[in-house]
Amino acid sequence: MEWSTQKQLTYGFVLILIIAIIIGLPVYFYFFNKTPTCFDKRQNQNETGIDCGGVCSRACSADVVEDPLILWSRAFPIANGKYNLVAYLQNPNINYVSERFNYVLSVYDDKNVLIGTREGVTSAPYNKNFVVFEQAFDANQRTIGKVTFEIASKVTWIKSVEEKSKFSISSDQIVLVAGTPTLTSSITNKTVERFQNFYVVAIVYDVEGNAMVVSRTLVDELQPKGKAVVVFTWPHLEEFKYSKIELIPRI
């Protein structure tokens, strides 16, 4: 073999080798030497399932209760055949919150005939009870017999880094103001976050522990470490015989 031919073959081999390295290394790292993540559809790192548990924020289904617990769902009359629909739920999973999920509230009359539905999206906060509130449902002058709450999509749970409580809330007694039952409360922000346009729901319970009336008020703004006054009113509150008031903020 002539020297020039040998030199050409050597150059050709080197060129092929360089091309193989340029193409092969990315292919190798992409398919065979990926850095493990929580989104690679593999059980690696210290995960207890595929992309869940361990270092991953998403909970494995075996480690959590699948859905929030539905404690009750009811309709509360306002006026002129309209009602507020409220579902009272509980997050049963310690140290987990849920991503947003779909729900359906269905309203039936006293003959168990469907009057209508309300659909929406909510999420379960850190380790606490929470409410779903749908305002001013028109029952078309029919008598409401029952309200059901259904979780309409898969609930995904993720590890929470929230404080156990972002707020502290105190309230006065319910009093009559110009003939209207009124509750004045104060909510204090315990964090350095600024919150805007969130609701606080007040539930008043009778002496047997049943929810009597429910009201919801919008808080426009709550500054870091700040305080806001929240006022609730009801069109009626029978004889003011109540045992407790529960206030639930919904961020």
C-alpha atoms as a PDB file:
ATOM      1  CA  MET A   1       0.000   0.000   0.000  1.00  0.00           C
ATOM      2  CA  GLU A   2       1.378   3.355  -0.993  1.00  0.00           C
ATOM      3  CA  TRP A   3       2.153   5.890   1.721  1.00  0.00           C
ATOM      4  CA  SER A   4      -0.322   8.430   0.332  1.00  0.00           C
ATOM      5  CA  THR A   5      -3.117   5.836   0.319  1.00  0.00           C
ATOM      6  CA  GLN A   6      -2.289   4.825   3.878  1.00  0.00           C
ATOM      7  CA  LYS A   7      -2.343   8.470   4.932  1.00  0.00           C
ATOM      8  CA  GLN A   8      -5.756   8.979   3.329  1.00  0.00           C
ATOM      9  CA  LEU A   9      -7.112   5.906   5.099  1.00  0.00           C
ATOM     10  CA  THR A  10      -5.758   7.147   8.412  1.00  0.00           C
ATOM     11  CA  TYR A  11      -7.360  10.556   7.910  1.00  0.00           C
ATOM     12  CA  GLY A  12     -10.593   8.879   6.920  1.00  0.00           C
ATOM     13  CA  PHE A  13     -10.551   6.646  10.001  1.00  0.00           C
ATOM     14  CA  VAL A  14      -9.868   9.626  12.287  1.00  0.00           C
ATOM     15  CA  LEU A  15     -12.688  11.591  10.633  1.00  0.00           C
ATOM     16  CA  ILE A  16     -15.132   8.703  11.082  1.00  0.00           C
ATOM     17  CA  LEU A  17     -14.031   8.321  14.695  1.00  0.00           C
ATOM     18  CA  ILE A  18     -14.608  12.026  15.378  1.00  0.00           C
ATOM     19  CA  ILE A  19     -18.059  11.883  13.758  1.00  0.00           C
ATOM     20  CA  ALA A  20     -18.903   8.764  15.774  1.00  0.00           C
ATOM     21  CA  ILE A  21     -17.886  10.505  19.005  1.00  0.00           C
ATOM     22  CA  ILE A  22     -19.846  13.650  18.146  1.00  0.00           C
ATOM     23  CA  ILE A  23     -22.988  11.636  17.387  1.00  0.00           C
ATOM     24  CA  GLY A  24     -22.470   8.781  19.800  1.00  0.00           C
ATOM     25  CA  LEU A  25     -21.793  10.676  23.024  1.00  0.00           C
ATOM     26  CA  PRO A  26     -25.079  12.631  23.043  1.00  0.00           C
ATOM     27  CA  VAL A  27     -26.964   9.461  22.105  1.00  0.00           C
ATOM     28  CA  TYR A  28     -25.245   7.593  24.929  1.00  0.00           C
ATOM     29  CA  PHE A  29     -25.966  10.258  27.528  1.00  0.00           C
ATOM     30  CA  TYR A  30     -29.556  10.636  26.312  1.00  0.00           C
ATOM     31  CA  PHE A  31     -30.432   6.951  26.349  1.00  0.00           C
ATOM     32  CA  PHE A  32     -28.012   5.333  28.774  1.00  0.00           C
ATOM     33  CA  ASN A  33     -26.546   7.880  31.156  1.00  0.00           C
ATOM     34  CA  LYS A  34     -29.402  10.241  32.043  1.00  0.00           C
ATOM     35  CA  THR A  35     -29.304  12.086  35.325  1.00  0.00           C
ATOM     36  CA  PRO A  36     -32.216  10.641  37.304  1.00  0.00           C
ATOM     37  CA  THR A  37     -35.203  12.984  37.694  1.00  0.00           C
ATOM     38  CA  CYS A  38     -38.741  12.814  39.020  1.00  0.00           C
ATOM     39  CA  PHE A  39     -40.103  12.959  35.451  1.00  0.00           C
ATOM     40  CA  ASP A  40     -38.120  10.270  33.609  1.00  0.00           C
ATOM     41  CA  LYS A  41     -40.780   7.532  33.973  1.00  0.00           C
ATOM     42  CA  ARG A  42     -38.330   5.306  35.849  1.00  0.00           C
ATOM     43  CA  GLN A  43     -38.064   4.213  39.459  1.00  0.00           C
ATOM     44  CA  ASN A  44     -34.574   5.398  40.372  1.00  0.00           C
ATOM     45  CA  GLN A  45     -32.892   7.639  42.926  1.00  0.00           C
ATOM     46  CA  ASN A  46     -34.589   6.620  46.175  1.00  0.00           C
ATOM     47  CA  GLU A  47     -38.124   6.713  44.725  1.00  0.00           C
ATOM     48  CA  THR A  48     -40.650   4.285  46.187  1.00  0.00           C
ATOM     49  CA  GLY A  49     -42.559   4.170  42.886  1.00  0.00           C
ATOM     50  CA  ILE A  50     -42.172   5.478  39.348  1.00  0.00           C
ATOM     51  CA  ASP A  51     -41.473   9.223  39.720  1.00  0.00           C
ATOM     52  CA  CYS A  52     -43.076   9.315  43.182  1.00  0.00           C
ATOM     53  CA  GLY A  53     -42.024   9.045  46.797  1.00  0.00           C
ATOM     54  CA  GLY A  54     -38.506   9.496  48.126  1.00  0.00           C
ATOM     55  CA  VAL A  55     -36.928  12.690  46.814  1.00  0.00           C
ATOM     56  CA  CYS A  56     -39.900  13.322  44.495  1.00  0.00           C
ATOM     57  CA  SER A  57     -42.617  15.688  45.646  1.00  0.00           C
ATOM     58  CA  ARG A  58     -45.456  13.634  44.150  1.00  0.00           C
ATOM     59  CA  ALA A  59     -46.835  10.997  46.513  1.00  0.00           C
ATOM     60  CA  CYS A  60     -47.178   7.374  45.474  1.00  0.00           C
ATOM     61  CA  SER A  61     -50.789   6.188  45.573  1.00  0.00           C
ATOM     62  CA  ALA A  62     -49.934   3.563  48.207  1.00  0.00           C
ATOM     63  CA  ASP A  63     -48.723   6.282  50.596  1.00  0.00           C
ATOM     64  CA  VAL A  64     -51.851   8.484  50.684  1.00  0.00           C
ATOM     65  CA  VAL A  65     -55.621   8.330  50.941  1.00  0.00           C
ATOM     66  CA  GLU A  66     -56.750   8.677  47.346  1.00  0.00           C
ATOM     67  CA  ASP A  67     -59.363  11.439  47.766  1.00  0.00           C
ATOM     68  CA  PRO A  68     -60.251  14.130  50.314  1.00  0.00           C
ATOM     69  CA  LEU A  69     -62.915  13.017  52.779  1.00  0.00           C
ATOM     70  CA  ILE A  70     -66.392  14.448  52.155  1.00  0.00           C
ATOM     71  CA  LEU A  71     -67.841  15.189  55.607  1.00  0.00           C
ATOM     72  CA  TRP A  72     -71.060  16.842  54.470  1.00  0.00           C
ATOM     73  CA  SER A  73     -72.650  18.812  51.617  1.00  0.00           C
ATOM     74  CA  ARG A  74     -75.688  21.026  51.995  1.00  0.00           C
ATOM     75  CA  ALA A  75     -77.768  23.899  50.628  1.00  0.00           C
ATOM     76  CA  PHE A  76     -78.274  27.004  52.784  1.00  0.00           C
ATOM     77  CA  PRO A  77     -81.200  29.309  51.874  1.00  0.00           C
ATOM     78  CA  ILE A  78     -80.507  32.945  51.050  1.00  0.00           C
ATOM     79  CA  ALA A  79     -83.694  34.481  49.663  1.00  0.00           C
ATOM     80  CA  ASN A  80     -86.138  34.217  46.737  1.00  0.00           C
ATOM     81  CA  GLY A  81     -85.513  30.517  46.158  1.00  0.00           C
ATOM     82  CA  LYS A  82     -81.727  30.858  45.984  1.00  0.00           C
ATOM     83  CA  TYR A  83     -79.215  28.894  48.021  1.00  0.00           C
ATOM     84  CA  ASN A  84     -75.538  28.765  48.805  1.00  0.00           C
ATOM     85  CA  LEU A  85     -74.141  25.293  48.188  1.00  0.00           C
ATOM     86  CA  VAL A  86     -71.413  24.186  50.576  1.00  0.00           C
ATOM     87  CA  ALA A  87     -69.359  20.998  50.781  1.00  0.00           C
ATOM     88  CA  TYR A  88     -67.210  20.479  53.877  1.00  0.00           C
ATOM     89  CA  LEU A  89     -64.147  18.321  53.238  1.00  0.00           C
ATOM     90  CA  GLN A  90     -61.024  17.139  55.010  1.00  0.00           C
ATOM     91  CA  ASN A  91     -57.473  16.509  53.839  1.00  0.00           C
ATOM     92  CA  PRO A  92     -56.629  13.122  55.420  1.00  0.00           C
ATOM     93  CA  ASN A  93     -52.993  13.098  54.294  1.00  0.00           C
ATOM     94  CA  ILE A  94     -50.515  14.543  56.773  1.00  0.00           C
ATOM     95  CA  ASN A  95     -47.817  16.727  55.163  1.00  0.00           C
ATOM     96  CA  TYR A  96     -49.417  16.565  51.700  1.00  0.00           C
ATOM     97  CA  VAL A  97     -51.520  18.990  49.692  1.00  0.00           C
ATOM     98  CA  SER A  98     -53.378  18.237  46.494  1.00  0.00           C
ATOM     99  CA  GLU A  99     -53.039  19.728  43.079  1.00  0.00           C
ATOM    100  CA  ARG A 100     -56.216  21.206  41.627  1.00  0.00           C
ATOM    101  CA  PHE A 101     -59.002  18.728  40.899  1.00  0.00           C
ATOM    102  CA  ASN A 102     -62.490  18.943  39.383  1.00  0.00           C
ATOM    103  CA  TYR A 103     -65.716  18.547  41.332  1.00  0.00           C
ATOM    104  CA  VAL A 104     -69.467  18.444  40.737  1.00  0.00           C
ATOM    105  CA  LEU A 105     -72.149  19.559  43.191  1.00  0.00           C
ATOM    106  CA  SER A 106     -75.525  18.045  42.334  1.00  0.00           C
ATOM    107  CA  VAL A 107     -78.781  19.390  43.794  1.00  0.00           C
ATOM    108  CA  TYR A 108     -81.907  17.222  44.113  1.00  0.00           C
ATOM    109  CA  ASP A 109     -85.428  18.168  45.138  1.00  0.00           C
ATOM    110  CA  ASP A 110     -87.506  16.516  47.857  1.00  0.00           C
ATOM    111  CA  LYS A 111     -88.645  13.878  45.334  1.00  0.00           C
ATOM    112  CA  ASN A 112     -85.000  13.012  44.528  1.00  0.00           C
ATOM    113  CA  VAL A 113     -85.222  14.606  41.068  1.00  0.00           C
ATOM    114  CA  LEU A 114     -82.110  16.445  39.891  1.00  0.00           C
ATOM    115  CA  ILE A 115     -82.605  20.224  39.851  1.00  0.00           C
ATOM    116  CA  GLY A 116     -79.165  21.178  38.573  1.00  0.00           C
ATOM    117  CA  THR A 117     -75.420  21.017  39.087  1.00  0.00           C
ATOM    118  CA  ARG A 118     -72.471  23.294  39.743  1.00  0.00           C
ATOM    119  CA  GLU A 119     -68.989  22.337  38.542  1.00  0.00           C
ATOM    120  CA  GLY A 120     -65.653  23.795  39.557  1.00  0.00           C
ATOM    121  CA  VAL A 121     -62.031  23.289  40.498  1.00  0.00           C
ATOM    122  CA  THR A 122     -60.490  23.267  43.966  1.00  0.00           C
ATOM    123  CA  SER A 123     -57.562  21.839  45.925  1.00  0.00           C
ATOM    124  CA  ALA A 124     -56.964  20.360  49.367  1.00  0.00           C
ATOM    125  CA  PRO A 125     -54.794  22.518  51.646  1.00  0.00           C
ATOM    126  CA  TYR A 126     -52.279  21.376  54.208  1.00  0.00           C
ATOM    127  CA  ASN A 127     -53.659  18.937  56.800  1.00  0.00           C
ATOM    128  CA  LYS A 128     -56.961  20.660  57.525  1.00  0.00           C
ATOM    129  CA  ASN A 129     -60.673  20.926  56.845  1.00  0.00           C
ATOM    130  CA  PHE A 130     -61.747  23.078  53.925  1.00  0.00           C
ATOM    131  CA  VAL A 131     -64.904  24.080  52.082  1.00  0.00           C
ATOM    132  CA  VAL A 132     -66.187  24.304  48.539  1.00  0.00           C
ATOM    133  CA  PHE A 133     -68.645  27.208  48.261  1.00  0.00           C
ATOM    134  CA  GLU A 134     -70.973  27.816  45.314  1.00  0.00           C
ATOM    135  CA  GLN A 135     -73.008  30.990  45.588  1.00  0.00           C
ATOM    136  CA  ALA A 136     -76.647  31.747  44.742  1.00  0.00           C
ATOM    137  CA  PHE A 137     -77.900  28.485  43.222  1.00  0.00           C
ATOM    138  CA  ASP A 138     -81.425  28.999  41.872  1.00  0.00           C
ATOM    139  CA  ALA A 139     -83.690  26.086  42.834  1.00  0.00           C
ATOM    140  CA  ASN A 140     -86.556  27.399  40.649  1.00  0.00           C
ATOM    141  CA  GLN A 141     -88.880  27.542  43.677  1.00  0.00           C
ATOM    142  CA  ARG A 142     -88.471  23.806  44.291  1.00  0.00           C
ATOM    143  CA  THR A 143     -87.734  22.365  47.721  1.00  0.00           C
ATOM    144  CA  ILE A 144     -84.181  21.045  47.984  1.00  0.00           C
ATOM    145  CA  GLY A 145     -83.960  17.535  49.368  1.00  0.00           C
ATOM    146  CA  LYS A 146     -80.222  16.849  49.208  1.00  0.00           C
ATOM    147  CA  VAL A 147     -76.913  18.009  47.784  1.00  0.00           C
ATOM    148  CA  THR A 148     -74.151  15.612  46.745  1.00  0.00           C
ATOM    149  CA  PHE A 149     -70.486  16.362  46.157  1.00  0.00           C
ATOM    150  CA  GLU A 150     -68.453  14.311  43.681  1.00  0.00           C
ATOM    151  CA  ILE A 151     -64.726  14.439  42.957  1.00  0.00           C
ATOM    152  CA  ALA A 152     -64.646  14.363  39.160  1.00  0.00           C
ATOM    153  CA  SER A 153     -60.940  13.941  38.362  1.00  0.00           C
ATOM    154  CA  LYS A 154     -57.898  12.133  39.712  1.00  0.00           C
ATOM    155  CA  VAL A 155     -56.407  13.798  42.790  1.00  0.00           C
ATOM    156  CA  THR A 156     -52.612  14.141  42.792  1.00  0.00           C
ATOM    157  CA  TRP A 157     -50.925  14.641  46.158  1.00  0.00           C
ATOM    158  CA  ILE A 158     -47.603  16.425  46.628  1.00  0.00           C
ATOM    159  CA  LYS A 159     -45.394  17.016  49.659  1.00  0.00           C
ATOM    160  CA  SER A 160     -46.128  20.275  51.417  1.00  0.00           C
ATOM    161  CA  VAL A 161     -43.636  22.794  52.712  1.00  0.00           C
ATOM    162  CA  GLU A 162     -46.376  25.059  54.047  1.00  0.00           C
ATOM    163  CA  GLU A 163     -46.561  26.303  57.572  1.00  0.00           C
ATOM    164  CA  LYS A 164     -49.244  24.498  59.512  1.00  0.00           C
ATOM    165  CA  SER A 165     -51.175  27.748  59.705  1.00  0.00           C
ATOM    166  CA  LYS A 166     -50.666  30.928  57.708  1.00  0.00           C
ATOM    167  CA  PHE A 167     -53.239  32.903  59.689  1.00  0.00           C
ATOM    168  CA  SER A 168     -54.642  33.435  63.134  1.00  0.00           C
ATOM    169  CA  ILE A 169     -58.315  34.392  63.345  1.00  0.00           C
ATOM    170  CA  SER A 170     -60.378  35.807  66.181  1.00  0.00           C
ATOM    171  CA  SER A 171     -64.015  36.837  66.219  1.00  0.00           C
ATOM    172  CA  ASP A 172     -66.614  38.578  68.339  1.00  0.00           C
ATOM    173  CA  GLN A 173     -70.067  37.305  69.161  1.00  0.00           C
ATOM    174  CA  ILE A 174     -72.802  37.567  66.561  1.00  0.00           C
ATOM    175  CA  VAL A 175     -74.836  40.704  67.185  1.00  0.00           C
ATOM    176  CA  LEU A 176     -77.718  42.499  65.527  1.00  0.00           C
ATOM    177  CA  VAL A 177     -76.653  45.500  63.468  1.00  0.00           C
ATOM    178  CA  ALA A 178     -79.647  47.403  62.067  1.00  0.00           C
ATOM    179  CA  GLY A 179     -81.666  44.211  62.498  1.00  0.00           C
ATOM    180  CA  THR A 180     -79.144  42.016  60.606  1.00  0.00           C
ATOM    181  CA  PRO A 181     -77.168  39.240  62.353  1.00  0.00           C
ATOM    182  CA  THR A 182     -73.534  40.334  61.972  1.00  0.00           C
ATOM    183  CA  LEU A 183     -70.180  38.815  62.892  1.00  0.00           C
ATOM    184  CA  THR A 184     -67.001  40.892  62.984  1.00  0.00           C
ATOM    185  CA  SER A 185     -63.696  38.978  62.874  1.00  0.00           C
ATOM    186  CA  SER A 186     -60.034  39.800  62.465  1.00  0.00           C
ATOM    187  CA  ILE A 187     -57.508  37.775  60.473  1.00  0.00           C
ATOM    188  CA  THR A 188     -53.769  38.135  61.064  1.00  0.00           C
ATOM    189  CA  ASN A 189     -51.146  37.144  58.510  1.00  0.00           C
ATOM    190  CA  LYS A 190     -48.402  35.159  60.286  1.00  0.00           C
ATOM    191  CA  THR A 191     -46.151  35.049  57.213  1.00  0.00           C
ATOM    192  CA  VAL A 192     -44.056  37.493  55.168  1.00  0.00           C
ATOM    193  CA  GLU A 193     -46.232  36.787  52.102  1.00  0.00           C
ATOM    194  CA  ARG A 194     -48.756  39.259  50.712  1.00  0.00           C
ATOM    195  CA  PHE A 195     -52.195  37.822  49.959  1.00  0.00           C
ATOM    196  CA  GLN A 196     -54.837  39.305  47.691  1.00  0.00           C
ATOM    197  CA  ASN A 197     -58.434  38.522  46.767  1.00  0.00           C
ATOM    198  CA  PHE A 198     -59.095  35.456  48.886  1.00  0.00           C
ATOM    199  CA  TYR A 199     -62.237  34.333  50.686  1.00  0.00           C
ATOM    200  CA  VAL A 200     -62.966  33.553  54.312  1.00  0.00           C
ATOM    201  CA  VAL A 201     -65.968  31.324  55.021  1.00  0.00           C
ATOM    202  CA  ALA A 202     -67.846  31.458  58.339  1.00  0.00           C
ATOM    203  CA  ILE A 203     -69.904  28.454  59.466  1.00  0.00           C
ATOM    204  CA  VAL A 204     -72.233  28.791  62.454  1.00  0.00           C
ATOM    205  CA  TYR A 205     -73.142  25.551  64.271  1.00  0.00           C
ATOM    206  CA  ASP A 206     -76.169  24.864  66.464  1.00  0.00           C
ATOM    207  CA  VAL A 207     -75.987  23.309  69.912  1.00  0.00           C
ATOM    208  CA  GLU A 208     -76.061  19.820  68.371  1.00  0.00           C
ATOM    209  CA  GLY A 209     -73.027  20.561  66.172  1.00  0.00           C
ATOM    210  CA  ASN A 210     -74.934  20.899  62.892  1.00  0.00           C
ATOM    211  CA  ALA A 211     -74.168  23.735  60.486  1.00  0.00           C
ATOM    212  CA  MET A 212     -76.953  26.317  60.691  1.00  0.00           C
ATOM    213  CA  VAL A 213     -75.833  29.062  58.319  1.00  0.00           C
ATOM    214  CA  VAL A 214     -72.820  29.847  56.163  1.00  0.00           C
ATOM    215  CA  SER A 215     -71.459  33.144  54.855  1.00  0.00           C
ATOM    216  CA  ARG A 216     -68.478  34.099  52.701  1.00  0.00           C
ATOM    217  CA  THR A 217     -66.532  37.370  52.556  1.00  0.00           C
ATOM    218  CA  LEU A 218     -63.784  38.524  50.198  1.00  0.00           C
ATOM    219  CA  VAL A 219     -60.533  39.895  51.657  1.00  0.00           C
ATOM    220  CA  ASP A 220     -59.058  42.313  49.144  1.00  0.00           C
ATOM    221  CA  GLU A 221     -55.553  42.414  50.590  1.00  0.00           C
ATOM    222  CA  LEU A 222     -53.579  41.180  53.583  1.00  0.00           C
ATOM    223  CA  GLN A 223     -50.091  42.582  54.009  1.00  0.00           C
ATOM    224  CA  PRO A 224     -47.128  40.591  55.427  1.00  0.00           C
ATOM    225  CA  LYS A 225     -47.624  40.318  59.206  1.00  0.00           C
ATOM    226  CA  GLY A 226     -50.711  42.469  58.693  1.00  0.00           C
ATOM    227  CA  LYS A 227     -54.270  42.306  59.967  1.00  0.00           C
ATOM    228  CA  ALA A 228     -57.651  42.726  58.276  1.00  0.00           C
ATOM    229  CA  VAL A 229     -61.192  43.051  59.580  1.00  0.00           C
ATOM    230  CA  VAL A 230     -63.701  40.615  58.078  1.00  0.00           C
ATOM    231  CA  VAL A 231     -67.472  41.084  58.425  1.00  0.00           C
ATOM    232  CA  PHE A 232     -70.127  38.406  57.838  1.00  0.00           C
ATOM    233  CA  THR A 233     -73.887  38.877  57.688  1.00  0.00           C
ATOM    234  CA  TRP A 234     -76.902  36.591  57.364  1.00  0.00           C
ATOM    235  CA  PRO A 235     -80.477  37.342  56.302  1.00  0.00           C
ATOM    236  CA  HIS A 236     -81.643  35.329  59.310  1.00  0.00           C
ATOM    237  CA  LEU A 237     -80.194  33.374  62.192  1.00  0.00           C
ATOM    238  CA  GLU A 238     -82.843  31.627  64.243  1.00  0.00           C
ATOM    239  CA  GLU A 239     -82.860  32.823  67.844  1.00  0.00           C
ATOM    240  CA  PHE A 240     -79.059  33.160  67.899  1.00  0.00           C
ATOM    241  CA  LYS A 241     -78.791  29.740  69.584  1.00  0.00           C
ATOM    242  CA  TYR A 242     -75.444  28.579  68.313  1.00  0.00           C
ATOM    243  CA  SER A 243     -72.619  26.625  69.888  1.00  0.00           C
ATOM    244  CA  LYS A 244     -69.575  27.671  67.840  1.00  0.00           C
ATOM    245  CA  ILE A 245     -68.351  29.598  64.837  1.00  0.00           C
ATOM    246  CA  GLU A 246     -65.756  28.172  62.448  1.00  0.00           C
ATOM    247  CA  LEU A 247     -63.781  30.503  60.171  1.00  0.00           C
ATOM    248  CA  ILE A 248     -61.995  28.976  57.165  1.00  0.00           C
ATOM    249  CA  PRO A 249     -59.757  31.046  54.858  1.00  0.00           C
ATOM    250  CA  ARG A 250     -59.364  29.801  51.289  1.00  0.00           C
ATOM    251  CA  ILE A 251     -56.277  31.048  49.465  1.00  0.00           C
END
